[in-house]
């Protein structure tokens, strides 16, 4: 499944990856073009890696628990590619007992718990994008 919105010149390209379509719909609805986001959504780690390689986003929102390839696995693969390793990655999960250390060791820039508050999600994305721009 791929959902894509048209781009505007001020947009940040985001890639949202989750195997639950309702979660992708929520991210798509919350992060709209009027707020400066172009959101591309996919439902698997493999699809994400293909998009990341062909059209690197400004930031990746990545679910941890997915079949076939976890968010940790995708994060490690992105971090191993020197051409892509600079892309910020926020992991999100519904797990209460997320191991922050594992997330950071995999290379994530942070994480968000689901269900997430839209304002918190936007604040976290903006914070990570500002840090990237300042680097």
Protein backbone atom coordinates (compact mmCIF):
# COMPACT_ATOMS: atom_id res chain seq x y z
CA UNK A 1 0.00 0.00 0.00
CA UNK A 2 1.39 3.40 -0.95
CA UNK A 3 -0.27 6.73 -0.26
CA UNK A 4 1.35 9.86 -1.58
CA UNK A 5 0.42 13.53 -1.56
CA UNK A 6 1.61 16.21 -3.93
CA UNK A 7 4.65 18.19 -2.96
CA UNK A 8 4.98 21.86 -2.23
CA UNK A 9 8.25 23.78 -2.25
CA UNK A 10 8.28 24.15 1.54
CA UNK A 11 7.43 20.54 2.32
CA UNK A 12 9.47 18.13 4.35
CA UNK A 13 9.36 14.67 2.83
CA UNK A 14 8.40 12.10 5.45
CA UNK A 15 8.14 8.34 5.12
CA UNK A 16 5.73 6.60 7.51
CA UNK A 17 6.07 2.83 7.85
CA UNK A 18 3.51 0.71 9.69
CA UNK A 19 1.81 -2.60 8.93
CA UNK A 20 -1.52 -1.28 10.31
CA UNK A 21 -3.38 0.79 7.68
CA UNK A 22 -5.32 2.75 10.33
CA UNK A 23 -2.05 4.00 11.84
CA UNK A 24 -0.84 5.14 8.42
CA UNK A 25 -4.15 6.90 7.82
CA UNK A 26 -3.82 8.74 11.13
CA UNK A 27 -0.25 9.86 10.35
CA UNK A 28 -1.33 10.92 6.84
CA UNK A 29 -4.24 12.93 8.24
CA UNK A 30 -2.20 14.51 11.03
CA UNK A 31 0.75 15.56 8.90
CA UNK A 32 -0.78 17.28 5.95
CA UNK A 33 0.62 19.44 3.20
CA UNK A 34 -0.76 22.67 4.66
CA UNK A 35 1.51 22.10 7.65
CA UNK A 36 4.53 21.65 5.39
CA UNK A 37 4.70 17.86 5.09
CA UNK A 38 4.64 15.52 2.13
CA UNK A 39 3.89 12.11 3.60
CA UNK A 40 4.53 8.84 1.82
CA UNK A 41 3.19 5.76 3.62
CA UNK A 42 4.17 2.11 3.20
CA UNK A 43 3.21 -1.02 5.10
CA UNK A 44 6.47 -2.99 5.28
CA UNK A 45 10.14 -2.65 6.02
CA UNK A 46 11.12 -3.98 2.61
CA UNK A 47 8.95 -1.41 0.81
CA UNK A 48 10.42 1.28 3.05
CA UNK A 49 14.00 0.35 2.17
CA UNK A 50 13.18 0.51 -1.53
CA UNK A 51 11.66 3.99 -1.23
CA UNK A 52 14.47 5.21 1.03
CA UNK A 53 17.07 4.08 -1.51
CA UNK A 54 15.25 5.56 -4.52
CA UNK A 55 13.90 8.78 -3.01
CA UNK A 56 15.42 9.49 0.41
CA UNK A 57 12.98 11.27 2.75
CA UNK A 58 13.86 14.04 5.18
CA UNK A 59 12.65 11.88 8.10
CA UNK A 60 11.40 8.33 8.66
CA UNK A 61 8.58 7.40 11.08
CA UNK A 62 8.98 3.70 11.63
CA UNK A 63 6.91 1.17 13.57
CA UNK A 64 9.03 -1.26 15.58
CA UNK A 65 6.78 -4.33 15.46
CA UNK A 66 6.20 -5.40 11.86
CA UNK A 67 6.20 -8.84 10.22
CA UNK A 68 9.24 -9.95 8.21
CA UNK A 69 11.45 -6.98 9.13
CA UNK A 70 11.24 -5.01 12.37
CA UNK A 71 11.75 -1.29 12.69
CA UNK A 72 15.07 -2.03 14.38
CA UNK A 73 16.18 -4.03 11.31
CA UNK A 74 15.18 -1.24 8.92
CA UNK A 75 16.94 1.34 11.09
CA UNK A 76 20.16 -0.70 11.11
CA UNK A 77 20.08 -1.12 7.32
CA UNK A 78 19.59 2.62 6.79
CA UNK A 79 22.42 3.42 9.21
CA UNK A 80 24.76 0.99 7.42
CA UNK A 81 24.35 2.84 4.11
CA UNK A 82 26.67 5.89 4.09
CA UNK A 83 24.47 7.62 1.51
CA UNK A 84 21.39 7.32 3.74
CA UNK A 85 22.77 7.22 7.28
CA UNK A 86 22.06 10.93 7.90
CA UNK A 87 18.27 10.51 7.63
CA UNK A 88 16.58 11.01 11.02
CA UNK A 89 14.50 8.05 12.20
CA UNK A 90 11.76 8.13 14.83
CA UNK A 91 10.54 4.72 15.96
CA UNK A 92 6.99 4.31 17.19
CA UNK A 93 5.42 1.47 19.08
CA UNK A 94 2.43 0.45 21.14
CA UNK A 95 4.68 -1.52 23.50
CA UNK A 96 4.83 -0.19 27.05
CA UNK A 97 8.17 -1.81 27.72
CA UNK A 98 10.16 -0.41 24.78
CA UNK A 99 13.86 -0.76 25.33
CA UNK A 100 15.11 2.79 24.72
CA UNK A 101 18.68 1.56 24.71
CA UNK A 102 17.95 -0.92 21.90
CA UNK A 103 16.23 1.80 19.89
CA UNK A 104 19.17 4.15 20.24
CA UNK A 105 21.72 1.39 19.61
CA UNK A 106 19.90 0.51 16.38
CA UNK A 107 20.43 4.13 15.33
CA UNK A 108 17.06 5.75 16.04
CA UNK A 109 16.95 9.46 16.80
CA UNK A 110 14.04 8.98 19.17
CA UNK A 111 10.77 7.18 19.65
CA UNK A 112 7.07 7.85 20.15
CA UNK A 113 4.53 5.66 21.91
CA UNK A 114 1.25 4.74 20.22
CA UNK A 115 -1.42 5.85 20.41
CA UNK A 116 0.32 9.16 19.96
CA UNK A 117 -0.84 12.67 20.59
CA UNK A 118 -0.81 14.59 17.29
CA UNK A 119 0.76 17.70 18.85
CA UNK A 120 3.49 15.60 20.49
CA UNK A 121 4.18 13.86 17.17
CA UNK A 122 4.48 17.17 15.30
CA UNK A 123 6.69 18.65 18.05
CA UNK A 124 9.00 15.61 17.96
CA UNK A 125 9.25 15.73 14.15
CA UNK A 126 9.99 19.46 14.16
CA UNK A 127 12.61 19.02 16.88
CA UNK A 128 14.43 16.30 14.94
CA UNK A 129 14.22 18.23 11.64
CA UNK A 130 15.59 21.38 13.32
CA UNK A 131 18.50 19.43 14.80
CA UNK A 132 19.23 17.98 11.35
CA UNK A 133 19.17 21.45 9.76
CA UNK A 134 21.51 22.83 12.44
CA UNK A 135 24.03 20.00 11.97
